[in-house]
PDB file of N, CA and C in Angstrom:
ATOM      1  N   MET A   1     111.010  53.904 -78.724  1.00  0.00           N
ATOM      2  CA  MET A   1     110.964  54.188 -77.305  1.00  0.00           C
ATOM      3  C   MET A   1     112.018  53.362 -76.575  1.00  0.00           C
ATOM      4  N   LEU A   2     112.373  52.240 -77.108  1.00  0.00           N
ATOM      5  CA  LEU A   2     113.348  51.376 -76.447  1.00  0.00           C
ATOM      6  C   LEU A   2     114.722  52.026 -76.361  1.00  0.00           C
ATOM      7  N   GLN A   3     114.965  53.029 -77.175  1.00  0.00           N
ATOM      8  CA  GLN A   3     116.249  53.730 -77.139  1.00  0.00           C
ATOM      9  C   GLN A   3     116.332  54.707 -75.966  1.00  0.00           C
ATOM     10  N   LEU A   4     115.192  55.041 -75.371  1.00  0.00           N
ATOM     11  CA  LEU A   4     115.155  55.974 -74.245  1.00  0.00           C
ATOM     12  C   LEU A   4     115.387  55.234 -72.942  1.00  0.00           C
ATOM     13  N   PRO A   5     115.847  55.963 -71.902  1.00  0.00           N
ATOM     14  CA  PRO A   5     115.942  55.336 -70.576  1.00  0.00           C
ATOM     15  C   PRO A   5     114.555  54.887 -70.115  1.00  0.00           C
ATOM     16  N   SER A   6     114.478  53.821 -69.365  1.00  0.00           N
ATOM     17  CA  SER A   6     113.184  53.236 -68.977  1.00  0.00           C
ATOM     18  C   SER A   6     112.288  54.224 -68.232  1.00  0.00           C
ATOM     19  N   GLU A   7     112.877  55.175 -67.476  1.00  0.00           N
ATOM     20  CA  GLU A   7     112.037  56.146 -66.756  1.00  0.00           C
ATOM     21  C   GLU A   7     111.353  57.148 -67.693  1.00  0.00           C
ATOM     22  N   MET A   8     111.761  57.175 -68.952  1.00  0.00           N
ATOM     23  CA  MET A   8     111.140  58.075 -69.927  1.00  0.00           C
ATOM     24  C   MET A   8     110.101  57.354 -70.796  1.00  0.00           C
ATOM     25  N   TRP A   9     109.920  56.068 -70.604  1.00  0.00           N
ATOM     26  CA  TRP A   9     108.970  55.311 -71.395  1.00  0.00           C
ATOM     27  C   TRP A   9     107.540  55.716 -71.034  1.00  0.00           C
ATOM     28  N   ILE A  10     106.677  55.690 -72.010  1.00  0.00           N
ATOM     29  CA  ILE A  10     105.252  55.933 -71.778  1.00  0.00           C
ATOM     30  C   ILE A  10     104.647  54.623 -71.295  1.00  0.00           C
ATOM     31  N   PRO A  11     103.936  54.647 -70.147  1.00  0.00           N
ATOM     32  CA  PRO A  11     103.316  53.401 -69.661  1.00  0.00           C
ATOM     33  C   PRO A  11     102.353  52.831 -70.701  1.00  0.00           C
ATOM     34  N   ALA A  12     102.262  51.529 -70.769  1.00  0.00           N
ATOM     35  CA  ALA A  12     101.424  50.858 -71.770  1.00  0.00           C
ATOM     36  C   ALA A  12      99.968  51.328 -71.698  1.00  0.00           C
ATOM     37  N   LYS A  13      99.436  51.513 -70.494  1.00  0.00           N
ATOM     38  CA  LYS A  13      98.042  51.958 -70.346  1.00  0.00           C
ATOM     39  C   LYS A  13      97.846  53.345 -70.956  1.00  0.00           C
ATOM     40  N   ALA A  14      98.780  54.225 -70.732  1.00  0.00           N
ATOM     41  CA  ALA A  14      98.688  55.572 -71.290  1.00  0.00           C
ATOM     42  C   ALA A  14      98.868  55.548 -72.802  1.00  0.00           C
ATOM     43  N   PHE A  15      99.764  54.699 -73.279  1.00  0.00           N
ATOM     44  CA  PHE A  15     100.039  54.621 -74.712  1.00  0.00           C
ATOM     45  C   PHE A  15      98.816  54.156 -75.481  1.00  0.00           C
ATOM     46  N   VAL A  16      98.071  53.226 -74.920  1.00  0.00           N
ATOM     47  CA  VAL A  16      96.859  52.714 -75.562  1.00  0.00           C
ATOM     48  C   VAL A  16      95.807  53.826 -75.672  1.00  0.00           C
ATOM     49  N   ALA A  17      95.781  54.742 -74.709  1.00  0.00           N
ATOM     50  CA  ALA A  17      94.779  55.812 -74.685  1.00  0.00           C
ATOM     51  C   ALA A  17      95.140  56.999 -75.591  1.00  0.00           C
ATOM     52  N   LEU A  18      96.355  57.022 -76.129  1.00  0.00           N
ATOM     53  CA  LEU A  18      96.753  58.148 -76.983  1.00  0.00           C
ATOM     54  C   LEU A  18      95.897  58.221 -78.238  1.00  0.00           C
ATOM     55  N   GLN A  19      95.574  59.455 -78.626  1.00  0.00           N
ATOM     56  CA  GLN A  19      94.870  59.681 -79.878  1.00  0.00           C
ATOM     57  C   GLN A  19      95.778  60.499 -80.779  1.00  0.00           C
ATOM     58  N   PHE A  20      95.809  60.158 -82.032  1.00  0.00           N
ATOM     59  CA  PHE A  20      96.685  60.837 -82.974  1.00  0.00           C
ATOM     60  C   PHE A  20      95.858  61.699 -83.914  1.00  0.00           C
ATOM     61  N   PHE A  21      96.367  62.900 -84.199  1.00  0.00           N
ATOM     62  CA  PHE A  21      95.696  63.837 -85.082  1.00  0.00           C
ATOM     63  C   PHE A  21      96.697  64.430 -86.058  1.00  0.00           C
ATOM     64  N   ILE A  22      96.184  64.987 -87.134  1.00  0.00           N
ATOM     65  CA  ILE A  22      97.010  65.716 -88.089  1.00  0.00           C
ATOM     66  C   ILE A  22      96.561  67.167 -88.029  1.00  0.00           C
ATOM     67  N   PRO A  23      97.483  68.117 -87.825  1.00  0.00           N
ATOM     68  CA  PRO A  23      97.090  69.523 -87.755  1.00  0.00           C
ATOM     69  C   PRO A  23      96.320  69.955 -89.000  1.00  0.00           C
ATOM     70  N   LYS A  24      95.398  70.902 -88.798  1.00  0.00           N
ATOM     71  CA  LYS A  24      94.476  71.294 -89.866  1.00  0.00           C
ATOM     72  C   LYS A  24      95.147  71.794 -91.135  1.00  0.00           C
ATOM     73  N   LEU A  25      96.265  72.477 -91.022  1.00  0.00           N
ATOM     74  CA  LEU A  25      96.894  72.989 -92.229  1.00  0.00           C
ATOM     75  C   LEU A  25      97.569  71.889 -93.044  1.00  0.00           C
ATOM     76  N   HIS A  26      97.749  70.709 -92.458  1.00  0.00           N
ATOM     77  CA  HIS A  26      98.420  69.605 -93.143  1.00  0.00           C
ATOM     78  C   HIS A  26      97.458  68.502 -93.576  1.00  0.00           C
ATOM     79  N   ILE A  27      96.259  68.479 -92.997  1.00  0.00           N
ATOM     80  CA  ILE A  27      95.348  67.345 -93.209  1.00  0.00           C
ATOM     81  C   ILE A  27      94.913  67.200 -94.666  1.00  0.00           C
ATOM     82  N   TYR A  28      94.843  68.303 -95.399  1.00  0.00           N
ATOM     83  CA  TYR A  28      94.332  68.234 -96.771  1.00  0.00           C
ATOM     84  C   TYR A  28      95.337  67.637 -97.746  1.00  0.00           C
ATOM     85  N   GLY A  29      96.541  67.405 -97.311  1.00  0.00           N
ATOM     86  CA  GLY A  29      97.527  66.701 -98.121  1.00  0.00           C
ATOM     87  C   GLY A  29      97.376  65.196 -98.015  1.00  0.00           C
ATOM     88  N   HIS A  30      96.417  64.739 -97.241  1.00  0.00           N
ATOM     89  CA  HIS A  30      96.176  63.318 -97.022  1.00  0.00           C
ATOM     90  C   HIS A  30      94.866  62.911 -97.704  1.00  0.00           C
ATOM     91  N   GLY A  31      94.679  61.625 -97.909  1.00  0.00           N
ATOM     92  CA  GLY A  31      93.447  61.116 -98.526  1.00  0.00           C
ATOM     93  C   GLY A  31      92.242  61.276 -97.618  1.00  0.00           C
ATOM     94  N   GLU A  32      91.050  61.094 -98.179  1.00  0.00           N
ATOM     95  CA  GLU A  32      89.810  61.280 -97.412  1.00  0.00           C
ATOM     96  C   GLU A  32      89.721  60.364 -96.205  1.00  0.00           C
ATOM     97  N   LYS A  33      90.115  59.110 -96.352  1.00  0.00           N
ATOM     98  CA  LYS A  33      90.048  58.157 -95.237  1.00  0.00           C
ATOM     99  C   LYS A  33      90.933  58.639 -94.080  1.00  0.00           C
ATOM    100  N   CYS A  34      92.113  59.103 -94.417  1.00  0.00           N
ATOM    101  CA  CYS A  34      93.053  59.614 -93.421  1.00  0.00           C
ATOM    102  C   CYS A  34      92.514  60.908 -92.795  1.00  0.00           C
ATOM    103  N   GLN A  35      91.906  61.762 -93.624  1.00  0.00           N
ATOM    104  CA  GLN A  35      91.350  63.021 -93.125  1.00  0.00           C
ATOM    105  C   GLN A  35      90.270  62.749 -92.090  1.00  0.00           C
ATOM    106  N   TYR A  36      89.402  61.792 -92.373  1.00  0.00           N
ATOM    107  CA  TYR A  36      88.330  61.487 -91.424  1.00  0.00           C
ATOM    108  C   TYR A  36      88.884  60.904 -90.130  1.00  0.00           C
ATOM    109  N   LYS A  37      89.840  60.001 -90.271  1.00  0.00           N
ATOM    110  CA  LYS A  37      90.366  59.289 -89.101  1.00  0.00           C
ATOM    111  C   LYS A  37      91.179  60.199 -88.174  1.00  0.00           C
ATOM    112  N   TYR A  38      91.940  61.149 -88.742  1.00  0.00           N
ATOM    113  CA  TYR A  38      92.880  61.932 -87.939  1.00  0.00           C
ATOM    114  C   TYR A  38      92.551  63.421 -87.852  1.00  0.00           C
ATOM    115  N   SER A  39      91.367  63.828 -88.282  1.00  0.00           N
ATOM    116  CA  SER A  39      91.003  65.245 -88.274  1.00  0.00           C
ATOM    117  C   SER A  39      90.510  65.689 -86.893  1.00  0.00           C
ATOM    118  N   PHE A  40      90.893  66.884 -86.498  1.00  0.00           N
ATOM    119  CA  PHE A  40      90.368  67.475 -85.263  1.00  0.00           C
ATOM    120  C   PHE A  40      88.866  67.728 -85.382  1.00  0.00           C
ATOM    121  N   ASN A  41      88.375  67.897 -86.595  1.00  0.00           N
ATOM    122  CA  ASN A  41      86.959  68.229 -86.803  1.00  0.00           C
ATOM    123  C   ASN A  41      86.015  67.144 -86.307  1.00  0.00           C
ATOM    124  N   TYR A  42      86.489  65.919 -86.198  1.00  0.00           N
ATOM    125  CA  TYR A  42      85.631  64.811 -85.786  1.00  0.00           C
ATOM    126  C   TYR A  42      85.897  64.363 -84.352  1.00  0.00           C
ATOM    127  N   ARG A  43      86.590  65.170 -83.594  1.00  0.00           N
ATOM    128  CA  ARG A  43      86.881  64.835 -82.199  1.00  0.00           C
ATOM    129  C   ARG A  43      86.176  65.814 -81.280  1.00  0.00           C
ATOM    130  N   LYS A  44      85.505  65.278 -80.303  1.00  0.00           N
ATOM    131  CA  LYS A  44      84.762  66.105 -79.359  1.00  0.00           C
ATOM    132  C   LYS A  44      85.694  67.110 -78.671  1.00  0.00           C
ATOM    133  N   TRP A  45      85.259  68.345 -78.571  1.00  0.00           N
ATOM    134  CA  TRP A  45      85.921  69.450 -77.889  1.00  0.00           C
ATOM    135  C   TRP A  45      87.178  69.972 -78.597  1.00  0.00           C
ATOM    136  N   SER A  46      87.423  69.567 -79.814  1.00  0.00           N
ATOM    137  CA  SER A  46      88.666  70.023 -80.436  1.00  0.00           C
ATOM    138  C   SER A  46      88.483  70.626 -81.828  1.00  0.00           C
ATOM    139  N   ALA A  47      87.285  70.725 -82.319  1.00  0.00           N
ATOM    140  CA  ALA A  47      87.082  71.142 -83.710  1.00  0.00           C
ATOM    141  C   ALA A  47      87.510  72.581 -83.981  1.00  0.00           C
ATOM    142  N   ARG A  48      87.524  73.445 -83.007  1.00  0.00           N
ATOM    143  CA  ARG A  48      87.859  74.845 -83.243  1.00  0.00           C
ATOM    144  C   ARG A  48      89.328  75.139 -82.954  1.00  0.00           C
ATOM    145  N   THR A  49      90.149  74.141 -83.065  1.00  0.00           N
ATOM    146  CA  THR A  49      91.576  74.325 -82.857  1.00  0.00           C
ATOM    147  C   THR A  49      92.329  73.883 -84.095  1.00  0.00           C
ATOM    148  N   ASP A  50      93.507  74.429 -84.301  1.00  0.00           N
ATOM    149  CA  ASP A  50      94.296  73.966 -85.444  1.00  0.00           C
ATOM    150  C   ASP A  50      95.583  73.279 -85.019  1.00  0.00           C
ATOM    151  N   ARG A  51      96.010  73.478 -83.794  1.00  0.00           N
ATOM    152  CA  ARG A  51      97.202  72.841 -83.226  1.00  0.00           C
ATOM    153  C   ARG A  51      98.468  73.131 -84.024  1.00  0.00           C
ATOM    154  N   GLU A  52      98.561  74.305 -84.579  1.00  0.00           N
ATOM    155  CA  GLU A  52      99.745  74.696 -85.332  1.00  0.00           C
ATOM    156  C   GLU A  52     100.705  75.528 -84.478  1.00  0.00           C
ATOM    157  N   ASP A  53     100.389  75.735 -83.217  1.00  0.00           N
ATOM    158  CA  ASP A  53     101.193  76.612 -82.370  1.00  0.00           C
ATOM    159  C   ASP A  53     102.671  76.220 -82.285  1.00  0.00           C
ATOM    160  N   PRO A  54     103.010  74.929 -82.181  1.00  0.00           N
ATOM    161  CA  PRO A  54     104.452  74.608 -82.147  1.00  0.00           C
ATOM    162  C   PRO A  54     105.197  75.113 -83.376  1.00  0.00           C
ATOM    163  N   LYS A  55     104.549  75.046 -84.531  1.00  0.00           N
ATOM    164  CA  LYS A  55     105.199  75.529 -85.753  1.00  0.00           C
ATOM    165  C   LYS A  55     105.367  77.049 -85.696  1.00  0.00           C
ATOM    166  N   TRP A  56     104.386  77.745 -85.137  1.00  0.00           N
ATOM    167  CA  TRP A  56     104.497  79.204 -85.016  1.00  0.00           C
ATOM    168  C   TRP A  56     105.660  79.555 -84.096  1.00  0.00           C
ATOM    169  N   PHE A  57     105.837  78.793 -83.017  1.00  0.00           N
ATOM    170  CA  PHE A  57     106.953  79.065 -82.110  1.00  0.00           C
ATOM    171  C   PHE A  57     108.284  78.879 -82.833  1.00  0.00           C
ATOM    172  N   TRP A  58     108.404  77.816 -83.617  1.00  0.00           N
ATOM    173  CA  TRP A  58     109.672  77.575 -84.303  1.00  0.00           C
ATOM    174  C   TRP A  58     109.962  78.649 -85.340  1.00  0.00           C
ATOM    175  N   SER A  59     108.924  79.193 -85.960  1.00  0.00           N
ATOM    176  CA  SER A  59     109.180  80.292 -86.893  1.00  0.00           C
ATOM    177  C   SER A  59     109.658  81.532 -86.135  1.00  0.00           C
ATOM    178  N   HIS A  60     109.245  81.663 -84.879  1.00  0.00           N
ATOM    179  CA  HIS A  60     109.697  82.767 -84.018  1.00  0.00           C
ATOM    180  C   HIS A  60     111.144  82.554 -83.571  1.00  0.00           C
ATOM    181  N   ILE A  61     111.494  81.312 -83.288  1.00  0.00           N
ATOM    182  CA  ILE A  61     112.810  81.027 -82.720  1.00  0.00           C
ATOM    183  C   ILE A  61     113.895  80.869 -83.799  1.00  0.00           C
ATOM    184  N   ASN A  62     113.506  80.586 -85.033  1.00  0.00           N
ATOM    185  CA  ASN A  62     114.497  80.364 -86.096  1.00  0.00           C
ATOM    186  C   ASN A  62     115.515  81.497 -86.245  1.00  0.00           C
ATOM    187  N   PRO A  63     115.121  82.775 -86.211  1.00  0.00           N
ATOM    188  CA  PRO A  63     116.137  83.824 -86.349  1.00  0.00           C
ATOM    189  C   PRO A  63     117.211  83.773 -85.256  1.00  0.00           C
ATOM    190  N   ALA A  64     116.865  83.275 -84.084  1.00  0.00           N
ATOM    191  CA  ALA A  64     117.831  83.189 -82.987  1.00  0.00           C
ATOM    192  C   ALA A  64     118.810  82.025 -83.162  1.00  0.00           C
ATOM    193  N   SER A  65     118.484  81.097 -84.055  1.00  0.00           N
ATOM    194  CA  SER A  65     119.319  79.894 -84.180  1.00  0.00           C
ATOM    195  C   SER A  65     120.758  80.201 -84.599  1.00  0.00           C
ATOM    196  N   LEU A  66     120.952  81.246 -85.370  1.00  0.00           N
ATOM    197  CA  LEU A  66     122.316  81.582 -85.786  1.00  0.00           C
ATOM    198  C   LEU A  66     123.191  81.959 -84.599  1.00  0.00           C
ATOM    199  N   SER A  67     122.619  82.666 -83.627  1.00  0.00           N
ATOM    200  CA  SER A  67     123.373  83.028 -82.424  1.00  0.00           C
ATOM    201  C   SER A  67     123.501  81.853 -81.467  1.00  0.00           C
ATOM    202  N   ILE A  68     122.400  81.131 -81.308  1.00  0.00           N
ATOM    203  CA  ILE A  68     122.352  80.055 -80.315  1.00  0.00           C
ATOM    204  C   ILE A  68     123.334  78.936 -80.655  1.00  0.00           C
ATOM    205  N   ARG A  69     123.520  78.636 -81.919  1.00  0.00           N
ATOM    206  CA  ARG A  69     124.395  77.518 -82.270  1.00  0.00           C
ATOM    207  C   ARG A  69     125.855  77.773 -81.906  1.00  0.00           C
ATOM    208  N   GLU A  70     126.216  79.021 -81.663  1.00  0.00           N
ATOM    209  CA  GLU A  70     127.586  79.360 -81.286  1.00  0.00           C
ATOM    210  C   GLU A  70     127.795  79.317 -79.768  1.00  0.00           C
ATOM    211  N   MET A  71     126.742  79.100 -79.008  1.00  0.00           N
ATOM    212  CA  MET A  71     126.803  79.169 -77.541  1.00  0.00           C
ATOM    213  C   MET A  71     127.217  77.835 -76.928  1.00  0.00           C
ATOM    214  N   THR A  72     127.628  77.915 -75.673  1.00  0.00           N
ATOM    215  CA  THR A  72     127.879  76.698 -74.897  1.00  0.00           C
ATOM    216  C   THR A  72     126.529  76.067 -74.546  1.00  0.00           C
ATOM    217  N   PRO A  73     126.479  74.792 -74.180  1.00  0.00           N
ATOM    218  CA  PRO A  73     125.202  74.152 -73.881  1.00  0.00           C
ATOM    219  C   PRO A  73     124.375  74.877 -72.812  1.00  0.00           C
ATOM    220  N   GLY A  74     125.023  75.378 -71.769  1.00  0.00           N
ATOM    221  CA  GLY A  74     124.288  76.088 -70.719  1.00  0.00           C
ATOM    222  C   GLY A  74     123.679  77.385 -71.225  1.00  0.00           C
ATOM    223  N   ALA A  75     124.457  78.152 -71.977  1.00  0.00           N
ATOM    224  CA  ALA A  75     123.957  79.402 -72.537  1.00  0.00           C
ATOM    225  C   ALA A  75     122.876  79.125 -73.572  1.00  0.00           C
ATOM    226  N   TRP A  76     123.047  78.050 -74.327  1.00  0.00           N
ATOM    227  CA  TRP A  76     122.065  77.637 -75.324  1.00  0.00           C
ATOM    228  C   TRP A  76     120.721  77.357 -74.658  1.00  0.00           C
ATOM    229  N   PHE A  77     120.761  76.588 -73.553  1.00  0.00           N
ATOM    230  CA  PHE A  77     119.541  76.268 -72.812  1.00  0.00           C
ATOM    231  C   PHE A  77     118.890  77.552 -72.284  1.00  0.00           C
ATOM    232  N   ASN A  78     119.689  78.432 -71.680  1.00  0.00           N
ATOM    233  CA  ASN A  78     119.140  79.670 -71.128  1.00  0.00           C
ATOM    234  C   ASN A  78     118.522  80.549 -72.212  1.00  0.00           C
ATOM    235  N   ALA A  79     119.163  80.629 -73.362  1.00  0.00           N
ATOM    236  CA  ALA A  79     118.630  81.453 -74.450  1.00  0.00           C
ATOM    237  C   ALA A  79     117.307  80.889 -74.962  1.00  0.00           C
ATOM    238  N   LEU A  80     117.251  79.574 -75.177  1.00  0.00           N
ATOM    239  CA  LEU A  80     115.989  78.970 -75.635  1.00  0.00           C
ATOM    240  C   LEU A  80     114.894  79.108 -74.587  1.00  0.00           C
ATOM    241  N   ASP A  81     115.260  78.933 -73.326  1.00  0.00           N
ATOM    242  CA  ASP A  81     114.293  79.075 -72.245  1.00  0.00           C
ATOM    243  C   ASP A  81     113.748  80.500 -72.201  1.00  0.00           C
ATOM    244  N   SER A  82     114.621  81.474 -72.376  1.00  0.00           N
ATOM    245  CA  SER A  82     114.202  82.872 -72.369  1.00  0.00           C
ATOM    246  C   SER A  82     113.271  83.175 -73.543  1.00  0.00           C
ATOM    247  N   HIS A  83     113.608  82.674 -74.720  1.00  0.00           N
ATOM    248  CA  HIS A  83     112.742  82.884 -75.885  1.00  0.00           C
ATOM    249  C   HIS A  83     111.381  82.217 -75.688  1.00  0.00           C
ATOM    250  N   ALA A  84     111.363  81.008 -75.148  1.00  0.00           N
ATOM    251  CA  ALA A  84     110.100  80.306 -74.910  1.00  0.00           C
ATOM    252  C   ALA A  84     109.260  81.055 -73.881  1.00  0.00           C
ATOM    253  N   ALA A  85     109.897  81.554 -72.826  1.00  0.00           N
ATOM    254  CA  ALA A  85     109.171  82.321 -71.806  1.00  0.00           C
ATOM    255  C   ALA A  85     108.569  83.586 -72.416  1.00  0.00           C
ATOM    256  N   HIS A  86     109.329  84.259 -73.263  1.00  0.00           N
ATOM    257  CA  HIS A  86     108.831  85.463 -73.931  1.00  0.00           C
ATOM    258  C   HIS A  86     107.646  85.131 -74.839  1.00  0.00           C
ATOM    259  N   TRP A  87     107.756  84.036 -75.584  1.00  0.00           N
ATOM    260  CA  TRP A  87     106.671  83.598 -76.460  1.00  0.00           C
ATOM    261  C   TRP A  87     105.401  83.320 -75.646  1.00  0.00           C
ATOM    262  N   ASN A  88     105.540  82.602 -74.544  1.00  0.00           N
ATOM    263  CA  ASN A  88     104.387  82.285 -73.695  1.00  0.00           C
ATOM    264  C   ASN A  88     103.802  83.540 -73.055  1.00  0.00           C
ATOM    265  N   TRP A  89     104.660  84.475 -72.657  1.00  0.00           N
ATOM    266  CA  TRP A  89     104.184  85.726 -72.074  1.00  0.00           C
ATOM    267  C   TRP A  89     103.336  86.490 -73.094  1.00  0.00           C
ATOM    268  N   HIS A  90     103.800  86.530 -74.335  1.00  0.00           N
ATOM    269  CA  HIS A  90     103.026  87.204 -75.388  1.00  0.00           C
ATOM    270  C   HIS A  90     101.668  86.541 -75.583  1.00  0.00           C
ATOM    271  N   LYS A  91     101.619  85.210 -75.563  1.00  0.00           N
ATOM    272  CA  LYS A  91     100.351  84.509 -75.723  1.00  0.00           C
ATOM    273  C   LYS A  91      99.405  84.863 -74.584  1.00  0.00           C
ATOM    274  N   ILE A  92      99.936  84.912 -73.360  1.00  0.00           N
ATOM    275  CA  ILE A  92      99.096  85.222 -72.203  1.00  0.00           C
ATOM    276  C   ILE A  92      98.591  86.660 -72.268  1.00  0.00           C
ATOM    277  N   VAL A  93      99.459  87.587 -72.620  1.00  0.00           N
ATOM    278  CA  VAL A  93      99.067  88.999 -72.692  1.00  0.00           C
ATOM    279  C   VAL A  93      97.997  89.201 -73.763  1.00  0.00           C
ATOM    280  N   ARG A  94      98.119  88.517 -74.877  1.00  0.00           N
ATOM    281  CA  ARG A  94      97.175  88.685 -75.984  1.00  0.00           C
ATOM    282  C   ARG A  94      95.920  87.831 -75.844  1.00  0.00           C
ATOM    283  N   PHE A  95      95.907  86.931 -74.889  1.00  0.00           N
ATOM    284  CA  PHE A  95      94.786  86.015 -74.747  1.00  0.00           C
ATOM    285  C   PHE A  95      93.471  86.749 -74.489  1.00  0.00           C
ATOM    286  N   GLY A  96      93.505  87.764 -73.634  1.00  0.00           N
ATOM    287  CA  GLY A  96      92.281  88.506 -73.307  1.00  0.00           C
ATOM    288  C   GLY A  96      91.661  89.128 -74.539  1.00  0.00           C
ATOM    289  N   MET A  97      92.475  89.780 -75.362  1.00  0.00           N
ATOM    290  CA  MET A  97      91.959  90.407 -76.577  1.00  0.00           C
ATOM    291  C   MET A  97      91.450  89.360 -77.557  1.00  0.00           C
ATOM    292  N   SER A  98      92.166  88.256 -77.669  1.00  0.00           N
ATOM    293  CA  SER A  98      91.743  87.171 -78.554  1.00  0.00           C
ATOM    294  C   SER A  98      90.406  86.594 -78.092  1.00  0.00           C
ATOM    295  N   LEU A  99      90.279  86.377 -76.789  1.00  0.00           N
ATOM    296  CA  LEU A  99      89.043  85.845 -76.236  1.00  0.00           C
ATOM    297  C   LEU A  99      87.893  86.819 -76.465  1.00  0.00           C
ATOM    298  N   LEU A 100      88.136  88.102 -76.247  1.00  0.00           N
ATOM    299  CA  LEU A 100      87.111  89.115 -76.464  1.00  0.00           C
ATOM    300  C   LEU A 100      86.639  89.110 -77.924  1.00  0.00           C
ATOM    301  N   CYS A 101      87.576  89.061 -78.858  1.00  0.00           N
ATOM    302  CA  CYS A 101      87.218  89.025 -80.282  1.00  0.00           C
ATOM    303  C   CYS A 101      86.379  87.794 -80.601  1.00  0.00           C
ATOM    304  N   ASN A 102      86.777  86.639 -80.069  1.00  0.00           N
ATOM    305  CA  ASN A 102      86.020  85.410 -80.323  1.00  0.00           C
ATOM    306  C   ASN A 102      84.630  85.479 -79.711  1.00  0.00           C
ATOM    307  N   VAL A 103      84.515  86.027 -78.512  1.00  0.00           N
ATOM    308  CA  VAL A 103      83.206  86.164 -77.873  1.00  0.00           C
ATOM    309  C   VAL A 103      82.314  87.080 -78.713  1.00  0.00           C
ATOM    310  N   GLN A 104      82.873  88.170 -79.226  1.00  0.00           N
ATOM    311  CA  GLN A 104      82.091  89.080 -80.056  1.00  0.00           C
ATOM    312  C   GLN A 104      81.625  88.394 -81.338  1.00  0.00           C
ATOM    313  N   VAL A 105      82.510  87.644 -81.974  1.00  0.00           N
ATOM    314  CA  VAL A 105      82.146  86.935 -83.210  1.00  0.00           C
ATOM    315  C   VAL A 105      81.033  85.936 -82.937  1.00  0.00           C
ATOM    316  N   TRP A 106      81.203  85.123 -81.896  1.00  0.00           N
ATOM    317  CA  TRP A 106      80.209  84.090 -81.614  1.00  0.00           C
ATOM    318  C   TRP A 106      78.906  84.678 -81.094  1.00  0.00           C
ATOM    319  N   THR A 107      78.958  85.821 -80.426  1.00  0.00           N
ATOM    320  CA  THR A 107      77.738  86.492 -80.007  1.00  0.00           C
ATOM    321  C   THR A 107      76.963  86.973 -81.228  1.00  0.00           C
ATOM    322  N   ASP A 108      77.655  87.559 -82.196  1.00  0.00           N
ATOM    323  CA  ASP A 108      77.012  87.996 -83.437  1.00  0.00           C
ATOM    324  C   ASP A 108      76.381  86.820 -84.176  1.00  0.00           C
ATOM    325  N   ILE A 109      77.097  85.708 -84.255  1.00  0.00           N
ATOM    326  CA  ILE A 109      76.571  84.515 -84.931  1.00  0.00           C
ATOM    327  C   ILE A 109      75.330  84.005 -84.205  1.00  0.00           C
ATOM    328  N   TYR A 110      75.379  83.994 -82.902  1.00  0.00           N
ATOM    329  CA  TYR A 110      74.239  83.528 -82.096  1.00  0.00           C
ATOM    330  C   TYR A 110      73.028  84.429 -82.304  1.00  0.00           C
ATOM    331  N   ILE A 111      73.247  85.732 -82.274  1.00  0.00           N
ATOM    332  CA  ILE A 111      72.145  86.683 -82.456  1.00  0.00           C
ATOM    333  C   ILE A 111      71.529  86.522 -83.851  1.00  0.00           C
ATOM    334  N   ARG A 112      72.377  86.378 -84.872  1.00  0.00           N
ATOM    335  CA  ARG A 112      71.866  86.185 -86.235  1.00  0.00           C
ATOM    336  C   ARG A 112      71.070  84.889 -86.348  1.00  0.00           C
ATOM    337  N   SER A 113      71.531  83.848 -85.677  1.00  0.00           N
ATOM    338  CA  SER A 113      70.801  82.575 -85.755  1.00  0.00           C
ATOM    339  C   SER A 113      69.445  82.681 -85.070  1.00  0.00           C
ATOM    340  N   ILE A 114      69.376  83.409 -83.956  1.00  0.00           N
ATOM    341  CA  ILE A 114      68.098  83.619 -83.276  1.00  0.00           C
ATOM    342  C   ILE A 114      67.180  84.468 -84.142  1.00  0.00           C
ATOM    343  N   ASP A 115      67.721  85.545 -84.720  1.00  0.00           N
ATOM    344  CA  ASP A 115      66.921  86.410 -85.585  1.00  0.00           C
ATOM    345  C   ASP A 115      66.353  85.639 -86.776  1.00  0.00           C
ATOM    346  N   SER A 116      67.174  84.780 -87.379  1.00  0.00           N
ATOM    347  CA  SER A 116      66.700  84.024 -88.543  1.00  0.00           C
ATOM    348  C   SER A 116      65.650  82.991 -88.142  1.00  0.00           C
ATOM    349  N   SER A 117      65.792  82.407 -86.943  1.00  0.00           N
ATOM    350  CA  SER A 117      64.791  81.416 -86.511  1.00  0.00           C
ATOM    351  C   SER A 117      63.478  82.106 -86.120  1.00  0.00           C
ATOM    352  N   LEU A 118      63.551  83.337 -85.623  1.00  0.00           N
ATOM    353  CA  LEU A 118      62.330  84.071 -85.262  1.00  0.00           C
ATOM    354  C   LEU A 118      61.602  84.582 -86.502  1.00  0.00           C
ATOM    355  N   SER A 119      62.356  84.914 -87.525  1.00  0.00           N
ATOM    356  CA  SER A 119      61.737  85.455 -88.740  1.00  0.00           C
ATOM    357  C   SER A 119      61.168  84.355 -89.627  1.00  0.00           C
ATOM    358  N   SER A 120      61.523  83.086 -89.370  1.00  0.00           N
ATOM    359  CA  SER A 120      61.010  81.989 -90.215  1.00  0.00           C
ATOM    360  C   SER A 120      59.622  81.584 -89.802  1.00  0.00           C
TER     361      SER A 120
END
């Protein structure tokens, strides 16, 4: 951090509060102690996430890299910005369908759990 300009430094209070995690697709390459300490599964409100989205974006942007590397810095920035905006737009457009599918899945699970508890 010392290599960055001072206005880009993370304040000490904020730095102490940071929590570090290992994305779910990578955690199994680590030992059990590391898995427990850095797994999303053991953190409140985060167990149903995998946090792999940045990697998905880079797999989307990689084909554009051949064109972008030939551009001037301004055009390079605009092209990456446009690709990122398109990626985010797709996520927003698909969010409703994704949410609906998840609600249907969890509703089915809830109904089955109630049915099994009533039949016991």
